[in-house]
PDB file of N, CA and C in Angstrom:
ATOM      1  N   MET A   1       4.403 -28.421  20.453  1.00  0.00           N
ATOM      2  CA  MET A   1       4.212 -27.344  19.503  1.00  0.00           C
ATOM      3  C   MET A   1       3.553 -26.166  20.220  1.00  0.00           C
ATOM      4  N   LEU A   2       4.041 -24.980  19.924  1.00  0.00           N
ATOM      5  CA  LEU A   2       3.510 -23.752  20.508  1.00  0.00           C
ATOM      6  C   LEU A   2       2.201 -23.385  19.813  1.00  0.00           C
ATOM      7  N   GLN A   3       1.183 -23.102  20.605  1.00  0.00           N
ATOM      8  CA  GLN A   3      -0.085 -22.655  20.056  1.00  0.00           C
ATOM      9  C   GLN A   3      -0.451 -21.323  20.702  1.00  0.00           C
ATOM     10  N   LEU A   4      -0.861 -20.400  19.872  1.00  0.00           N
ATOM     11  CA  LEU A   4      -1.255 -19.078  20.344  1.00  0.00           C
ATOM     12  C   LEU A   4      -2.760 -18.920  20.264  1.00  0.00           C
ATOM     13  N   THR A   5      -3.297 -18.213  21.224  1.00  0.00           N
ATOM     14  CA  THR A   5      -4.718 -17.890  21.177  1.00  0.00           C
ATOM     15  C   THR A   5      -4.917 -16.746  20.185  1.00  0.00           C
ATOM     16  N   PRO A   6      -6.124 -16.550  19.680  1.00  0.00           N
ATOM     17  CA  PRO A   6      -6.368 -15.429  18.767  1.00  0.00           C
ATOM     18  C   PRO A   6      -5.968 -14.078  19.369  1.00  0.00           C
ATOM     19  N   SER A   7      -6.216 -13.875  20.651  1.00  0.00           N
ATOM     20  CA  SER A   7      -5.834 -12.592  21.257  1.00  0.00           C
ATOM     21  C   SER A   7      -4.321 -12.439  21.331  1.00  0.00           C
ATOM     22  N   GLN A   8      -3.597 -13.529  21.535  1.00  0.00           N
ATOM     23  CA  GLN A   8      -2.138 -13.461  21.538  1.00  0.00           C
ATOM     24  C   GLN A   8      -1.606 -13.150  20.140  1.00  0.00           C
ATOM     25  N   VAL A   9      -2.216 -13.736  19.139  1.00  0.00           N
ATOM     26  CA  VAL A   9      -1.817 -13.452  17.755  1.00  0.00           C
ATOM     27  C   VAL A   9      -2.042 -11.984  17.444  1.00  0.00           C
ATOM     28  N   GLU A  10      -3.161 -11.434  17.894  1.00  0.00           N
ATOM     29  CA  GLU A  10      -3.462 -10.025  17.650  1.00  0.00           C
ATOM     30  C   GLU A  10      -2.427  -9.123  18.312  1.00  0.00           C
ATOM     31  N   VAL A  11      -2.059  -9.408  19.550  1.00  0.00           N
ATOM     32  CA  VAL A  11      -1.051  -8.609  20.258  1.00  0.00           C
ATOM     33  C   VAL A  11       0.295  -8.710  19.548  1.00  0.00           C
ATOM     34  N   LEU A  12       0.675  -9.921  19.145  1.00  0.00           N
ATOM     35  CA  LEU A  12       1.934 -10.110  18.435  1.00  0.00           C
ATOM     36  C   LEU A  12       1.915  -9.368  17.104  1.00  0.00           C
ATOM     37  N   SER A  13       0.795  -9.429  16.407  1.00  0.00           N
ATOM     38  CA  SER A  13       0.668  -8.731  15.129  1.00  0.00           C
ATOM     39  C   SER A  13       0.849  -7.219  15.315  1.00  0.00           C
ATOM     40  N   ASP A  14       0.212  -6.660  16.335  1.00  0.00           N
ATOM     41  CA  ASP A  14       0.364  -5.231  16.618  1.00  0.00           C
ATOM     42  C   ASP A  14       1.806  -4.890  16.960  1.00  0.00           C
ATOM     43  N   TYR A  15       2.464  -5.750  17.717  1.00  0.00           N
ATOM     44  CA  TYR A  15       3.860  -5.541  18.125  1.00  0.00           C
ATOM     45  C   TYR A  15       4.781  -5.495  16.911  1.00  0.00           C
ATOM     46  N   ILE A  16       4.527  -6.345  15.944  1.00  0.00           N
ATOM     47  CA  ILE A  16       5.338  -6.393  14.723  1.00  0.00           C
ATOM     48  C   ILE A  16       4.955  -5.249  13.784  1.00  0.00           C
ATOM     49  N   ARG A  17       3.691  -4.929  13.711  1.00  0.00           N
ATOM     50  CA  ARG A  17       3.199  -3.939  12.757  1.00  0.00           C
ATOM     51  C   ARG A  17       3.612  -2.506  13.121  1.00  0.00           C
ATOM     52  N   GLU A  18       3.678  -2.187  14.397  1.00  0.00           N
ATOM     53  CA  GLU A  18       3.985  -0.817  14.841  1.00  0.00           C
ATOM     54  C   GLU A  18       5.310  -0.286  14.275  1.00  0.00           C
ATOM     55  N   PRO A  19       6.432  -1.008  14.410  1.00  0.00           N
ATOM     56  CA  PRO A  19       7.683  -0.486  13.844  1.00  0.00           C
ATOM     57  C   PRO A  19       7.637  -0.377  12.316  1.00  0.00           C
ATOM     58  N   PHE A  20       6.937  -1.306  11.666  1.00  0.00           N
ATOM     59  CA  PHE A  20       6.794  -1.251  10.220  1.00  0.00           C
ATOM     60  C   PHE A  20       6.031   0.001   9.810  1.00  0.00           C
ATOM     61  N   GLU A  21       4.955   0.315  10.507  1.00  0.00           N
ATOM     62  CA  GLU A  21       4.192   1.526  10.206  1.00  0.00           C
ATOM     63  C   GLU A  21       5.023   2.778  10.458  1.00  0.00           C
ATOM     64  N   SER A  22       5.865   2.760  11.465  1.00  0.00           N
ATOM     65  CA  SER A  22       6.743   3.907  11.733  1.00  0.00           C
ATOM     66  C   SER A  22       7.720   4.117  10.582  1.00  0.00           C
ATOM     67  N   ARG A  23       8.282   3.028  10.058  1.00  0.00           N
ATOM     68  CA  ARG A  23       9.195   3.146   8.912  1.00  0.00           C
ATOM     69  C   ARG A  23       8.453   3.638   7.667  1.00  0.00           C
ATOM     70  N   LEU A  24       7.229   3.140   7.473  1.00  0.00           N
ATOM     71  CA  LEU A  24       6.430   3.611   6.339  1.00  0.00           C
ATOM     72  C   LEU A  24       6.130   5.102   6.468  1.00  0.00           C
ATOM     73  N   GLU A  25       5.804   5.546   7.663  1.00  0.00           N
ATOM     74  CA  GLU A  25       5.514   6.959   7.880  1.00  0.00           C
ATOM     75  C   GLU A  25       6.726   7.814   7.537  1.00  0.00           C
ATOM     76  N   ALA A  26       7.896   7.424   8.008  1.00  0.00           N
ATOM     77  CA  ALA A  26       9.120   8.180   7.715  1.00  0.00           C
ATOM     78  C   ALA A  26       9.395   8.188   6.212  1.00  0.00           C
ATOM     79  N   HIS A  27       9.219   7.058   5.565  1.00  0.00           N
ATOM     80  CA  HIS A  27       9.455   6.962   4.124  1.00  0.00           C
ATOM     81  C   HIS A  27       8.503   7.873   3.343  1.00  0.00           C
ATOM     82  N   LEU A  28       7.227   7.802   3.677  1.00  0.00           N
ATOM     83  CA  LEU A  28       6.250   8.614   2.957  1.00  0.00           C
ATOM     84  C   LEU A  28       6.463  10.101   3.205  1.00  0.00           C
ATOM     85  N   ARG A  29       6.795  10.472   4.414  1.00  0.00           N
ATOM     86  CA  ARG A  29       7.063  11.897   4.698  1.00  0.00           C
ATOM     87  C   ARG A  29       8.297  12.387   3.944  1.00  0.00           C
ATOM     88  N   GLU A  30       9.288  11.518   3.764  1.00  0.00           N
ATOM     89  CA  GLU A  30      10.494  11.918   3.045  1.00  0.00           C
ATOM     90  C   GLU A  30      10.259  12.029   1.542  1.00  0.00           C
ATOM     91  N   TYR A  31       9.621  11.024   0.949  1.00  0.00           N
ATOM     92  CA  TYR A  31       9.501  10.973  -0.506  1.00  0.00           C
ATOM     93  C   TYR A  31       8.196  11.534  -1.057  1.00  0.00           C
ATOM     94  N   PHE A  32       7.198  11.707  -0.204  1.00  0.00           N
ATOM     95  CA  PHE A  32       5.908  12.248  -0.622  1.00  0.00           C
ATOM     96  C   PHE A  32       5.506  13.361   0.334  1.00  0.00           C
ATOM     97  N   SER A  33       6.450  14.249   0.592  1.00  0.00           N
ATOM     98  CA  SER A  33       6.249  15.281   1.615  1.00  0.00           C
ATOM     99  C   SER A  33       5.062  16.188   1.307  1.00  0.00           C
ATOM    100  N   ASP A  34       4.864  16.546   0.050  1.00  0.00           N
ATOM    101  CA  ASP A  34       3.736  17.418  -0.297  1.00  0.00           C
ATOM    102  C   ASP A  34       2.401  16.745   0.026  1.00  0.00           C
ATOM    103  N   ALA A  35       2.271  15.479  -0.338  1.00  0.00           N
ATOM    104  CA  ALA A  35       1.029  14.757  -0.093  1.00  0.00           C
ATOM    105  C   ALA A  35       0.789  14.522   1.397  1.00  0.00           C
ATOM    106  N   CYS A  36       1.865  14.393   2.158  1.00  0.00           N
ATOM    107  CA  CYS A  36       1.742  14.099   3.597  1.00  0.00           C
ATOM    108  C   CYS A  36       1.703  15.355   4.461  1.00  0.00           C
ATOM    109  N   ALA A  37       2.023  16.500   3.886  1.00  0.00           N
ATOM    110  CA  ALA A  37       2.148  17.733   4.671  1.00  0.00           C
ATOM    111  C   ALA A  37       0.869  18.095   5.420  1.00  0.00           C
ATOM    112  N   ALA A  38      -0.248  17.855   4.809  1.00  0.00           N
ATOM    113  CA  ALA A  38      -1.515  18.246   5.428  1.00  0.00           C
ATOM    114  C   ALA A  38      -1.970  17.276   6.512  1.00  0.00           C
ATOM    115  N   LEU A  39      -1.316  16.134   6.602  1.00  0.00           N
ATOM    116  CA  LEU A  39      -1.742  15.122   7.564  1.00  0.00           C
ATOM    117  C   LEU A  39      -0.923  15.191   8.844  1.00  0.00           C
ATOM    118  N   GLU A  40      -1.596  15.217   9.944  1.00  0.00           N
ATOM    119  CA  GLU A  40      -0.930  15.084  11.239  1.00  0.00           C
ATOM    120  C   GLU A  40      -0.431  13.645  11.340  1.00  0.00           C
ATOM    121  N   SER A  41       0.411  13.395  12.312  1.00  0.00           N
ATOM    122  CA  SER A  41       0.998  12.067  12.469  1.00  0.00           C
ATOM    123  C   SER A  41      -0.078  10.987  12.580  1.00  0.00           C
ATOM    124  N   GLU A  42      -1.096  11.206  13.397  1.00  0.00           N
ATOM    125  CA  GLU A  42      -2.130  10.192  13.572  1.00  0.00           C
ATOM    126  C   GLU A  42      -2.964  10.019  12.302  1.00  0.00           C
ATOM    127  N   GLY A  43      -3.198  11.097  11.574  1.00  0.00           N
ATOM    128  CA  GLY A  43      -3.920  10.992  10.305  1.00  0.00           C
ATOM    129  C   GLY A  43      -3.148  10.176   9.286  1.00  0.00           C
ATOM    130  N   LEU A  44      -1.836  10.393   9.242  1.00  0.00           N
ATOM    131  CA  LEU A  44      -1.006   9.617   8.327  1.00  0.00           C
ATOM    132  C   LEU A  44      -0.964   8.158   8.768  1.00  0.00           C
ATOM    133  N   ARG A  45      -0.911   7.918  10.063  1.00  0.00           N
ATOM    134  CA  ARG A  45      -0.917   6.543  10.571  1.00  0.00           C
ATOM    135  C   ARG A  45      -2.208   5.833  10.186  1.00  0.00           C
ATOM    136  N   ASP A  46      -3.328   6.516  10.291  1.00  0.00           N
ATOM    137  CA  ASP A  46      -4.607   5.913   9.876  1.00  0.00           C
ATOM    138  C   ASP A  46      -4.592   5.590   8.386  1.00  0.00           C
ATOM    139  N   PHE A  47      -4.074   6.516   7.595  1.00  0.00           N
ATOM    140  CA  PHE A  47      -3.933   6.309   6.150  1.00  0.00           C
ATOM    141  C   PHE A  47      -3.070   5.077   5.870  1.00  0.00           C
ATOM    142  N   ILE A  48      -1.952   4.966   6.577  1.00  0.00           N
ATOM    143  CA  ILE A  48      -1.039   3.840   6.398  1.00  0.00           C
ATOM    144  C   ILE A  48      -1.730   2.536   6.786  1.00  0.00           C
ATOM    145  N   ARG A  49      -2.433   2.530   7.910  1.00  0.00           N
ATOM    146  CA  ARG A  49      -3.124   1.311   8.348  1.00  0.00           C
ATOM    147  C   ARG A  49      -4.149   0.852   7.310  1.00  0.00           C
ATOM    148  N   ARG A  50      -4.901   1.804   6.793  1.00  0.00           N
ATOM    149  CA  ARG A  50      -5.894   1.453   5.760  1.00  0.00           C
ATOM    150  C   ARG A  50      -5.196   0.906   4.517  1.00  0.00           C
ATOM    151  N   GLY A  51      -4.102   1.546   4.134  1.00  0.00           N
ATOM    152  CA  GLY A  51      -3.359   1.095   2.955  1.00  0.00           C
ATOM    153  C   GLY A  51      -2.747  -0.282   3.139  1.00  0.00           C
ATOM    154  N   VAL A  52      -2.175  -0.532   4.307  1.00  0.00           N
ATOM    155  CA  VAL A  52      -1.596  -1.845   4.595  1.00  0.00           C
ATOM    156  C   VAL A  52      -2.700  -2.904   4.553  1.00  0.00           C
ATOM    157  N   ASP A  53      -3.819  -2.615   5.188  1.00  0.00           N
ATOM    158  CA  ASP A  53      -4.933  -3.566   5.177  1.00  0.00           C
ATOM    159  C   ASP A  53      -5.415  -3.828   3.754  1.00  0.00           C
ATOM    160  N   ARG A  54      -5.488  -2.768   2.950  1.00  0.00           N
ATOM    161  CA  ARG A  54      -5.948  -2.924   1.564  1.00  0.00           C
ATOM    162  C   ARG A  54      -4.943  -3.759   0.769  1.00  0.00           C
ATOM    163  N   ALA A  55      -3.649  -3.509   0.960  1.00  0.00           N
ATOM    164  CA  ALA A  55      -2.625  -4.298   0.269  1.00  0.00           C
ATOM    165  C   ALA A  55      -2.749  -5.772   0.642  1.00  0.00           C
ATOM    166  N   ILE A  56      -2.888  -6.032   1.931  1.00  0.00           N
ATOM    167  CA  ILE A  56      -3.003  -7.412   2.398  1.00  0.00           C
ATOM    168  C   ILE A  56      -4.253  -8.077   1.825  1.00  0.00           C
ATOM    169  N   SER A  57      -5.329  -7.310   1.681  1.00  0.00           N
ATOM    170  CA  SER A  57      -6.557  -7.882   1.112  1.00  0.00           C
ATOM    171  C   SER A  57      -6.343  -8.325  -0.336  1.00  0.00           C
ATOM    172  N   HIS A  58      -5.327  -7.761  -0.995  1.00  0.00           N
ATOM    173  CA  HIS A  58      -4.979  -8.149  -2.368  1.00  0.00           C
ATOM    174  C   HIS A  58      -3.838  -9.163  -2.392  1.00  0.00           C
ATOM    175  N   GLN A  59      -3.540  -9.738  -1.240  1.00  0.00           N
ATOM    176  CA  GLN A  59      -2.452 -10.698  -1.084  1.00  0.00           C
ATOM    177  C   GLN A  59      -1.083 -10.089  -1.399  1.00  0.00           C
ATOM    178  N   ILE A  60      -0.957  -8.801  -1.176  1.00  0.00           N
ATOM    179  CA  ILE A  60       0.339  -8.128  -1.258  1.00  0.00           C
ATOM    180  C   ILE A  60       0.842  -8.075   0.174  1.00  0.00           C
ATOM    181  N   THR A  61       1.822  -8.902   0.468  1.00  0.00           N
ATOM    182  CA  THR A  61       2.193  -9.123   1.855  1.00  0.00           C
ATOM    183  C   THR A  61       3.658  -8.850   2.170  1.00  0.00           C
ATOM    184  N   ARG A  62       4.501  -8.781   1.179  1.00  0.00           N
ATOM    185  CA  ARG A  62       5.908  -8.477   1.449  1.00  0.00           C
ATOM    186  C   ARG A  62       6.025  -7.004   1.814  1.00  0.00           C
ATOM    187  N   ARG A  63       6.868  -6.698   2.782  1.00  0.00           N
ATOM    188  CA  ARG A  63       6.980  -5.324   3.271  1.00  0.00           C
ATOM    189  C   ARG A  63       7.309  -4.337   2.153  1.00  0.00           C
ATOM    190  N   ARG A  64       8.253  -4.678   1.323  1.00  0.00           N
ATOM    191  CA  ARG A  64       8.643  -3.790   0.220  1.00  0.00           C
ATOM    192  C   ARG A  64       7.458  -3.573  -0.736  1.00  0.00           C
ATOM    193  N   ASP A  65       6.725  -4.626  -0.998  1.00  0.00           N
ATOM    194  CA  ASP A  65       5.576  -4.527  -1.896  1.00  0.00           C
ATOM    195  C   ASP A  65       4.462  -3.682  -1.282  1.00  0.00           C
ATOM    196  N   ILE A  66       4.264  -3.808   0.021  1.00  0.00           N
ATOM    197  CA  ILE A  66       3.269  -2.981   0.714  1.00  0.00           C
ATOM    198  C   ILE A  66       3.657  -1.515   0.624  1.00  0.00           C
ATOM    199  N   CYS A  67       4.937  -1.226   0.788  1.00  0.00           N
ATOM    200  CA  CYS A  67       5.416   0.154   0.659  1.00  0.00           C
ATOM    201  C   CYS A  67       5.126   0.691  -0.739  1.00  0.00           C
ATOM    202  N   LYS A  68       5.396  -0.096  -1.747  1.00  0.00           N
ATOM    203  CA  LYS A  68       5.109   0.318  -3.125  1.00  0.00           C
ATOM    204  C   LYS A  68       3.606   0.528  -3.339  1.00  0.00           C
ATOM    205  N   PHE A  69       2.806  -0.354  -2.747  1.00  0.00           N
ATOM    206  CA  PHE A  69       1.356  -0.210  -2.855  1.00  0.00           C
ATOM    207  C   PHE A  69       0.923   1.130  -2.277  1.00  0.00           C
ATOM    208  N   LEU A  70       1.471   1.499  -1.113  1.00  0.00           N
ATOM    209  CA  LEU A  70       1.127   2.786  -0.499  1.00  0.00           C
ATOM    210  C   LEU A  70       1.570   3.956  -1.376  1.00  0.00           C
ATOM    211  N   GLN A  71       2.684   3.814  -2.060  1.00  0.00           N
ATOM    212  CA  GLN A  71       3.124   4.866  -2.982  1.00  0.00           C
ATOM    213  C   GLN A  71       2.117   5.028  -4.119  1.00  0.00           C
ATOM    214  N   LEU A  72       1.575   3.921  -4.589  1.00  0.00           N
ATOM    215  CA  LEU A  72       0.546   3.989  -5.628  1.00  0.00           C
ATOM    216  C   LEU A  72      -0.735   4.618  -5.084  1.00  0.00           C
ATOM    217  N   VAL A  73      -1.073   4.321  -3.843  1.00  0.00           N
ATOM    218  CA  VAL A  73      -2.246   4.928  -3.213  1.00  0.00           C
ATOM    219  C   VAL A  73      -2.078   6.443  -3.158  1.00  0.00           C
ATOM    220  N   ILE A  74      -0.903   6.907  -2.773  1.00  0.00           N
ATOM    221  CA  ILE A  74      -0.657   8.353  -2.703  1.00  0.00           C
ATOM    222  C   ILE A  74      -0.712   8.976  -4.090  1.00  0.00           C
ATOM    223  N   THR A  75      -0.199   8.284  -5.077  1.00  0.00           N
ATOM    224  CA  THR A  75      -0.137   8.825  -6.435  1.00  0.00           C
ATOM    225  C   THR A  75      -1.495   8.838  -7.128  1.00  0.00           C
ATOM    226  N   PHE A  76      -2.270   7.762  -6.976  1.00  0.00           N
ATOM    227  CA  PHE A  76      -3.506   7.621  -7.738  1.00  0.00           C
ATOM    228  C   PHE A  76      -4.782   7.741  -6.906  1.00  0.00           C
ATOM    229  N   GLY A  77      -4.656   7.822  -5.599  1.00  0.00           N
ATOM    230  CA  GLY A  77      -5.831   7.968  -4.742  1.00  0.00           C
ATOM    231  C   GLY A  77      -6.090   6.730  -3.910  1.00  0.00           C
ATOM    232  N   GLU A  78      -6.732   6.952  -2.780  1.00  0.00           N
ATOM    233  CA  GLU A  78      -6.917   5.882  -1.801  1.00  0.00           C
ATOM    234  C   GLU A  78      -7.726   4.705  -2.327  1.00  0.00           C
ATOM    235  N   ASP A  79      -8.600   4.933  -3.289  1.00  0.00           N
ATOM    236  CA  ASP A  79      -9.409   3.850  -3.852  1.00  0.00           C
ATOM    237  C   ASP A  79      -8.986   3.485  -5.273  1.00  0.00           C
ATOM    238  N   PHE A  80      -7.715   3.746  -5.608  1.00  0.00           N
ATOM    239  CA  PHE A  80      -7.265   3.485  -6.972  1.00  0.00           C
ATOM    240  C   PHE A  80      -7.478   2.026  -7.374  1.00  0.00           C
ATOM    241  N   ASP A  81      -7.360   1.122  -6.419  1.00  0.00           N
ATOM    242  CA  ASP A  81      -7.491  -0.300  -6.717  1.00  0.00           C
ATOM    243  C   ASP A  81      -8.922  -0.682  -7.091  1.00  0.00           C
ATOM    244  N   ARG A  82      -9.880   0.157  -6.755  1.00  0.00           N
ATOM    245  CA  ARG A  82     -11.281  -0.083  -7.126  1.00  0.00           C
ATOM    246  C   ARG A  82     -11.717   0.843  -8.262  1.00  0.00           C
ATOM    247  N   ASP A  83     -11.210   2.085  -8.238  1.00  0.00           N
ATOM    248  CA  ASP A  83     -11.667   3.107  -9.174  1.00  0.00           C
ATOM    249  C   ASP A  83     -11.026   3.008 -10.559  1.00  0.00           C
ATOM    250  N   LEU A  84      -9.807   2.531 -10.633  1.00  0.00           N
ATOM    251  CA  LEU A  84      -9.097   2.471 -11.904  1.00  0.00           C
ATOM    252  C   LEU A  84      -9.146   1.052 -12.463  1.00  0.00           C
ATOM    253  N   ALA A  85      -9.753   0.916 -13.634  1.00  0.00           N
ATOM    254  CA  ALA A  85      -9.966  -0.412 -14.217  1.00  0.00           C
ATOM    255  C   ALA A  85      -8.654  -1.167 -14.397  1.00  0.00           C
ATOM    256  N   TRP A  86      -7.597  -0.481 -14.827  1.00  0.00           N
ATOM    257  CA  TRP A  86      -6.333  -1.190 -15.052  1.00  0.00           C
ATOM    258  C   TRP A  86      -5.771  -1.767 -13.757  1.00  0.00           C
ATOM    259  N   ALA A  87      -5.916  -1.035 -12.661  1.00  0.00           N
ATOM    260  CA  ALA A  87      -5.422  -1.534 -11.367  1.00  0.00           C
ATOM    261  C   ALA A  87      -6.288  -2.693 -10.880  1.00  0.00           C
ATOM    262  N   SER A  88      -7.591  -2.543 -11.000  1.00  0.00           N
ATOM    263  CA  SER A  88      -8.505  -3.605 -10.584  1.00  0.00           C
ATOM    264  C   SER A  88      -8.276  -4.876 -11.389  1.00  0.00           C
ATOM    265  N   ASP A  89      -8.036  -4.719 -12.688  1.00  0.00           N
ATOM    266  CA  ASP A  89      -7.775  -5.887 -13.542  1.00  0.00           C
ATOM    267  C   ASP A  89      -6.548  -6.649 -13.055  1.00  0.00           C
ATOM    268  N   ILE A  90      -5.513  -5.929 -12.677  1.00  0.00           N
ATOM    269  CA  ILE A  90      -4.282  -6.575 -12.205  1.00  0.00           C
ATOM    270  C   ILE A  90      -4.515  -7.224 -10.847  1.00  0.00           C
ATOM    271  N   LEU A  91      -5.161  -6.505  -9.967  1.00  0.00           N
ATOM    272  CA  LEU A  91      -5.317  -6.990  -8.593  1.00  0.00           C
ATOM    273  C   LEU A  91      -6.386  -8.067  -8.438  1.00  0.00           C
ATOM    274  N   VAL A  92      -7.445  -7.980  -9.226  1.00  0.00           N
ATOM    275  CA  VAL A  92      -8.560  -8.906  -9.062  1.00  0.00           C
ATOM    276  C   VAL A  92      -8.710  -9.802 -10.289  1.00  0.00           C
ATOM    277  N   GLY A  93      -8.731  -9.190 -11.440  1.00  0.00           N
ATOM    278  CA  GLY A  93      -9.021  -9.934 -12.660  1.00  0.00           C
ATOM    279  C   GLY A  93      -7.965 -10.928 -13.069  1.00  0.00           C
ATOM    280  N   ALA A  94      -6.700 -10.618 -12.847  1.00  0.00           N
ATOM    281  CA  ALA A  94      -5.625 -11.482 -13.340  1.00  0.00           C
ATOM    282  C   ALA A  94      -5.421 -12.719 -12.474  1.00  0.00           C
ATOM    283  N   ARG A  95      -5.908 -12.698 -11.252  1.00  0.00           N
ATOM    284  CA  ARG A  95      -5.763 -13.835 -10.330  1.00  0.00           C
ATOM    285  C   ARG A  95      -4.292 -14.243 -10.159  1.00  0.00           C
ATOM    286  N   ILE A  96      -3.470 -13.264  -9.964  1.00  0.00           N
ATOM    287  CA  ILE A  96      -2.046 -13.491  -9.736  1.00  0.00           C
ATOM    288  C   ILE A  96      -1.846 -13.747  -8.251  1.00  0.00           C
ATOM    289  N   ASP A  97      -1.112 -14.780  -7.925  1.00  0.00           N
ATOM    290  CA  ASP A  97      -0.927 -15.147  -6.524  1.00  0.00           C
ATOM    291  C   ASP A  97       0.293 -14.499  -5.879  1.00  0.00           C
ATOM    292  N   ARG A  98       1.314 -14.230  -6.633  1.00  0.00           N
ATOM    293  CA  ARG A  98       2.553 -13.749  -6.038  1.00  0.00           C
ATOM    294  C   ARG A  98       2.515 -12.243  -5.800  1.00  0.00           C
ATOM    295  N   SER A  99       2.814 -11.840  -4.577  1.00  0.00           N
ATOM    296  CA  SER A  99       2.810 -10.432  -4.171  1.00  0.00           C
ATOM    297  C   SER A  99       3.725  -9.610  -5.066  1.00  0.00           C
ATOM    298  N   ARG A 100       4.920 -10.099  -5.288  1.00  0.00           N
ATOM    299  CA  ARG A 100       5.906  -9.342  -6.069  1.00  0.00           C
ATOM    300  C   ARG A 100       5.450  -9.159  -7.513  1.00  0.00           C
ATOM    301  N   THR A 101       4.873 -10.180  -8.091  1.00  0.00           N
ATOM    302  CA  THR A 101       4.389 -10.090  -9.468  1.00  0.00           C
ATOM    303  C   THR A 101       3.281  -9.052  -9.582  1.00  0.00           C
ATOM    304  N   LYS A 102       2.355  -9.050  -8.637  1.00  0.00           N
ATOM    305  CA  LYS A 102       1.269  -8.069  -8.669  1.00  0.00           C
ATOM    306  C   LYS A 102       1.809  -6.652  -8.607  1.00  0.00           C
ATOM    307  N   ILE A 103       2.694  -6.403  -7.663  1.00  0.00           N
ATOM    308  CA  ILE A 103       3.184  -5.040  -7.492  1.00  0.00           C
ATOM    309  C   ILE A 103       4.036  -4.621  -8.684  1.00  0.00           C
ATOM    310  N   ASP A 104       4.800  -5.551  -9.256  1.00  0.00           N
ATOM    311  CA  ASP A 104       5.599  -5.226 -10.441  1.00  0.00           C
ATOM    312  C   ASP A 104       4.689  -4.865 -11.623  1.00  0.00           C
ATOM    313  N   LEU A 105       3.621  -5.625 -11.804  1.00  0.00           N
ATOM    314  CA  LEU A 105       2.675  -5.315 -12.883  1.00  0.00           C
ATOM    315  C   LEU A 105       1.983  -3.975 -12.640  1.00  0.00           C
ATOM    316  N   LEU A 106       1.589  -3.716 -11.400  1.00  0.00           N
ATOM    317  CA  LEU A 106       0.970  -2.430 -11.064  1.00  0.00           C
ATOM    318  C   LEU A 106       1.911  -1.272 -11.352  1.00  0.00           C
ATOM    319  N   TYR A 107       3.160  -1.411 -10.920  1.00  0.00           N
ATOM    320  CA  TYR A 107       4.139  -0.344 -11.124  1.00  0.00           C
ATOM    321  C   TYR A 107       4.402  -0.102 -12.602  1.00  0.00           C
ATOM    322  N   ASP A 108       4.550  -1.173 -13.380  1.00  0.00           N
ATOM    323  CA  ASP A 108       4.779  -1.014 -14.817  1.00  0.00           C
ATOM    324  C   ASP A 108       3.612  -0.285 -15.476  1.00  0.00           C
ATOM    325  N   GLU A 109       2.402  -0.704 -15.144  1.00  0.00           N
ATOM    326  CA  GLU A 109       1.225  -0.063 -15.730  1.00  0.00           C
ATOM    327  C   GLU A 109       1.093   1.383 -15.249  1.00  0.00           C
ATOM    328  N   ALA A 110       1.408   1.632 -13.991  1.00  0.00           N
ATOM    329  CA  ALA A 110       1.332   2.996 -13.442  1.00  0.00           C
ATOM    330  C   ALA A 110       2.318   3.917 -14.159  1.00  0.00           C
ATOM    331  N   ARG A 111       3.514   3.431 -14.418  1.00  0.00           N
ATOM    332  CA  ARG A 111       4.499   4.246 -15.160  1.00  0.00           C
ATOM    333  C   ARG A 111       3.971   4.563 -16.549  1.00  0.00           C
ATOM    334  N   TYR A 112       3.391   3.569 -17.194  1.00  0.00           N
ATOM    335  CA  TYR A 112       2.820   3.782 -18.517  1.00  0.00           C
ATOM    336  C   TYR A 112       1.692   4.811 -18.458  1.00  0.00           C
ATOM    337  N   ARG A 113       0.804   4.667 -17.495  1.00  0.00           N
ATOM    338  CA  ARG A 113      -0.338   5.584 -17.366  1.00  0.00           C
ATOM    339  C   ARG A 113       0.123   7.007 -17.082  1.00  0.00           C
ATOM    340  N   ARG A 114       1.142   7.158 -16.229  1.00  0.00           N
ATOM    341  CA  ARG A 114       1.667   8.494 -15.901  1.00  0.00           C
ATOM    342  C   ARG A 114       2.334   9.114 -17.121  1.00  0.00           C
ATOM    343  N   ALA A 115       3.025   8.304 -17.920  1.00  0.00           N
ATOM    344  CA  ALA A 115       3.694   8.812 -19.125  1.00  0.00           C
ATOM    345  C   ALA A 115       2.669   9.264 -20.158  1.00  0.00           C
ATOM    346  N   GLU A 116       1.528   8.598 -20.197  1.00  0.00           N
ATOM    347  CA  GLU A 116       0.476   8.930 -21.156  1.00  0.00           C
ATOM    348  C   GLU A 116      -0.384  10.104 -20.724  1.00  0.00           C
ATOM    349  N   ALA A 117      -0.300  10.485 -19.442  1.00  0.00           N
ATOM    350  CA  ALA A 117      -1.139  11.571 -18.927  1.00  0.00           C
ATOM    351  C   ALA A 117      -0.706  12.887 -19.528  1.00  0.00           C
ATOM    352  N   PRO A 118      -1.670  13.745 -19.898  1.00  0.00           N
ATOM    353  CA  PRO A 118      -1.307  15.046 -20.458  1.00  0.00           C
ATOM    354  C   PRO A 118      -0.674  15.937 -19.388  1.00  0.00           C
ATOM    355  N   GLU A 119       0.213  16.794 -19.833  1.00  0.00           N
ATOM    356  CA  GLU A 119       0.851  17.758 -18.940  1.00  0.00           C
ATOM    357  C   GLU A 119      -0.192  18.754 -18.425  1.00  0.00           C
ATOM    358  N   VAL A 120      -0.116  19.076 -17.156  1.00  0.00           N
ATOM    359  CA  VAL A 120      -0.999  20.077 -16.574  1.00  0.00           C
ATOM    360  C   VAL A 120      -0.196  21.353 -16.394  1.00  0.00           C
ATOM    361  N   ALA A 121      -0.700  22.419 -16.965  1.00  0.00           N
ATOM    362  CA  ALA A 121       0.036  23.690 -16.908  1.00  0.00           C
ATOM    363  C   ALA A 121      -0.230  24.436 -15.637  1.00  0.00           C
TER     364      ALA A 121
END
């Protein structure tokens, strides 16, 4: 059986994570160009790394779900998962184990919250 040392796991993780972060950067720049315009490439990469780490801390681990989580971060703020009670309830209070279920519940609630928000003139 193949066994990896912790440092080998870290190198492998970085090797896998780099292309994923590049795809996330391209996606966010395309679909959230206004929010990303003020960020230089390295600033956006730092934002993405923090968001990916935060998603993983909530057991959101599927790539598609992580991308959706980052979209919610851009829409509601970097600390939305702590600052907004409805998001915190879903992520922490509900004790949901499945990544897809969590992100689906977050997205449904986010759509509802956005629909209920008053128009800003």
